[in-house]
C-alpha atoms as a PDB file:
ATOM      1  CA  UNK A   1       0.000   0.000   0.000  1.00  0.00           C
ATOM      2  CA  UNK A   2       2.876   2.332   0.736  1.00  0.00           C
ATOM      3  CA  UNK A   3       4.353   1.917  -2.763  1.00  0.00           C
ATOM      4  CA  UNK A   4       1.008   2.988  -4.265  1.00  0.00           C
ATOM      5  CA  UNK A   5       1.113   6.042  -1.998  1.00  0.00           C
ATOM      6  CA  UNK A   6       4.621   6.862  -3.196  1.00  0.00           C
ATOM      7  CA  UNK A   7       3.506   6.536  -6.832  1.00  0.00           C
ATOM      8  CA  UNK A   8       0.515   8.840  -6.328  1.00  0.00           C
ATOM      9  CA  UNK A   9       2.688  11.301  -4.408  1.00  0.00           C
ATOM     10  CA  UNK A  10       5.223  11.362  -7.261  1.00  0.00           C
ATOM     11  CA  UNK A  11       2.520  11.930  -9.881  1.00  0.00           C
ATOM     12  CA  UNK A  12       1.072  14.823  -7.856  1.00  0.00           C
ATOM     13  CA  UNK A  13       4.573  16.263  -7.379  1.00  0.00           C
ATOM     14  CA  UNK A  14       5.324  16.097 -11.129  1.00  0.00           C
ATOM     15  CA  UNK A  15       1.930  17.617 -12.006  1.00  0.00           C
ATOM     16  CA  UNK A  16       2.580  20.465  -9.558  1.00  0.00           C
ATOM     17  CA  UNK A  17       5.892  21.230 -11.272  1.00  0.00           C
ATOM     18  CA  UNK A  18       4.280  21.125 -14.719  1.00  0.00           C
ATOM     19  CA  UNK A  19       1.715  23.607 -13.410  1.00  0.00           C
ATOM     20  CA  UNK A  20       4.466  25.891 -12.065  1.00  0.00           C
ATOM     21  CA  UNK A  21       6.313  25.691 -15.410  1.00  0.00           C
ATOM     22  CA  UNK A  22       3.086  26.600 -17.205  1.00  0.00           C
ATOM     23  CA  UNK A  23       2.603  29.640 -14.956  1.00  0.00           C
ATOM     24  CA  UNK A  24       6.215  30.814 -15.342  1.00  0.00           C
ATOM     25  CA  UNK A  25       6.122  30.302 -19.101  1.00  0.00           C
ATOM     26  CA  UNK A  26       2.929  32.337 -19.346  1.00  0.00           C
ATOM     27  CA  UNK A  27       4.505  35.198 -17.390  1.00  0.00           C
ATOM     28  CA  UNK A  28       7.687  35.126 -19.477  1.00  0.00           C
ATOM     29  CA  UNK A  29       5.660  35.249 -22.684  1.00  0.00           C
ATOM     30  CA  UNK A  30       3.375  37.974 -21.337  1.00  0.00           C
ATOM     31  CA  UNK A  31       6.297  40.225 -20.371  1.00  0.00           C
ATOM     32  CA  UNK A  32       8.005  39.622 -23.769  1.00  0.00           C
ATOM     33  CA  UNK A  33      10.996  37.821 -22.290  1.00  0.00           C
ATOM     34  CA  UNK A  34      10.327  34.732 -24.397  1.00  0.00           C
ATOM     35  CA  UNK A  35       9.143  34.746 -27.982  1.00  0.00           C
ATOM     36  CA  UNK A  36       6.056  32.500 -28.382  1.00  0.00           C
ATOM     37  CA  UNK A  37       6.889  32.049 -32.083  1.00  0.00           C
ATOM     38  CA  UNK A  38      10.021  30.054 -31.259  1.00  0.00           C
ATOM     39  CA  UNK A  39       9.401  26.372 -31.819  1.00  0.00           C
ATOM     40  CA  UNK A  40      10.623  25.162 -28.395  1.00  0.00           C
ATOM     41  CA  UNK A  41       8.658  27.803 -26.483  1.00  0.00           C
ATOM     42  CA  UNK A  42       5.507  27.069 -28.480  1.00  0.00           C
ATOM     43  CA  UNK A  43       5.920  23.307 -28.003  1.00  0.00           C
ATOM     44  CA  UNK A  44       6.564  23.608 -24.265  1.00  0.00           C
ATOM     45  CA  UNK A  45       3.600  25.933 -23.850  1.00  0.00           C
ATOM     46  CA  UNK A  46       1.318  23.597 -25.785  1.00  0.00           C
ATOM     47  CA  UNK A  47       2.384  20.540 -23.769  1.00  0.00           C
ATOM     48  CA  UNK A  48       1.995  22.224 -20.387  1.00  0.00           C
ATOM     49  CA  UNK A  49      -1.337  23.752 -21.441  1.00  0.00           C
ATOM     50  CA  UNK A  50      -2.744  20.396 -22.550  1.00  0.00           C
ATOM     51  CA  UNK A  51      -1.655  18.737 -19.312  1.00  0.00           C
ATOM     52  CA  UNK A  52      -2.891  21.415 -16.897  1.00  0.00           C
ATOM     53  CA  UNK A  53      -5.973  22.872 -18.587  1.00  0.00           C
ATOM     54  CA  UNK A  54      -8.364  19.973 -17.836  1.00  0.00           C
ATOM     55  CA  UNK A  55      -7.683  20.444 -14.120  1.00  0.00           C
ATOM     56  CA  UNK A  56      -7.800  24.259 -14.235  1.00  0.00           C
ATOM     57  CA  UNK A  57     -10.985  24.636 -16.311  1.00  0.00           C
ATOM     58  CA  UNK A  58     -13.463  23.572 -13.575  1.00  0.00           C
ATOM     59  CA  UNK A  59     -11.786  25.890 -11.075  1.00  0.00           C
ATOM     60  CA  UNK A  60     -11.937  28.812 -13.510  1.00  0.00           C
ATOM     61  CA  UNK A  61     -15.646  28.190 -13.977  1.00  0.00           C
ATOM     62  CA  UNK A  62     -16.302  28.920 -10.284  1.00  0.00           C
ATOM     63  CA  UNK A  63     -13.443  31.327  -9.508  1.00  0.00           C
ATOM     64  CA  UNK A  64     -13.450  34.477 -11.635  1.00  0.00           C
ATOM     65  CA  UNK A  65     -10.267  36.367 -12.436  1.00  0.00           C
ATOM     66  CA  UNK A  66      -9.555  39.054  -9.850  1.00  0.00           C
ATOM     67  CA  UNK A  67      -8.329  42.218 -11.543  1.00  0.00           C
ATOM     68  CA  UNK A  68      -7.081  40.245 -14.523  1.00  0.00           C
ATOM     69  CA  UNK A  69      -5.152  37.855 -12.258  1.00  0.00           C
ATOM     70  CA  UNK A  70      -5.971  34.163 -12.640  1.00  0.00           C
ATOM     71  CA  UNK A  71      -5.987  32.558  -9.200  1.00  0.00           C
ATOM     72  CA  UNK A  72      -6.988  29.084 -10.356  1.00  0.00           C
ATOM     73  CA  UNK A  73      -3.398  27.696 -10.404  1.00  0.00           C
ATOM     74  CA  UNK A  74      -2.936  28.747  -6.779  1.00  0.00           C
ATOM     75  CA  UNK A  75      -6.182  27.029  -5.806  1.00  0.00           C
ATOM     76  CA  UNK A  76      -5.153  23.901  -7.714  1.00  0.00           C
ATOM     77  CA  UNK A  77      -1.730  23.794  -6.055  1.00  0.00           C
ATOM     78  CA  UNK A  78      -3.372  24.125  -2.640  1.00  0.00           C
ATOM     79  CA  UNK A  79      -5.821  21.327  -3.480  1.00  0.00           C
ATOM     80  CA  UNK A  80      -2.991  19.095  -4.694  1.00  0.00           C
ATOM     81  CA  UNK A  81      -0.990  19.672  -1.523  1.00  0.00           C
ATOM     82  CA  UNK A  82      -4.084  18.967   0.566  1.00  0.00           C
ATOM     83  CA  UNK A  83      -4.628  15.714  -1.350  1.00  0.00           C
ATOM     84  CA  UNK A  84      -1.004  14.684  -0.779  1.00  0.00           C
ATOM     85  CA  UNK A  85      -1.198  15.368   2.937  1.00  0.00           C
ATOM     86  CA  UNK A  86      -4.547  13.594   3.263  1.00  0.00           C
ATOM     87  CA  UNK A  87      -3.247  10.599   1.328  1.00  0.00           C
ATOM     88  CA  UNK A  88      -0.205  10.276   3.585  1.00  0.00           C
ATOM     89  CA  UNK A  89      -2.409  10.382   6.680  1.00  0.00           C
ATOM     90  CA  UNK A  90      -4.260   7.317   5.404  1.00  0.00           C
ATOM     91  CA  UNK A  91      -1.259   5.480   3.947  1.00  0.00           C
ATOM     92  CA  UNK A  92       0.991   5.796   6.974  1.00  0.00           C
ATOM     93  CA  UNK A  93      -1.605   5.282   9.703  1.00  0.00           C
END
């Protein structure tokens, strides 16, 4: 049972980092630090968008943007961390 917990924890950890990369990439493109027409930047943005958007879309439906700031990634990261902590409470005990 503990190895299944470690696997789920690793998947959540990787997904959290993909989400953080997606956020950072969006900021870098928005502030014109990266050129979205470059092939690598476009490919990385497309991959991270396709991975994270299905999880972010339901949150965006209920949580509107505040002053143009999208808070859904923060909510998703908090939910993922809560799920990890809750899972470890049940796996260890």
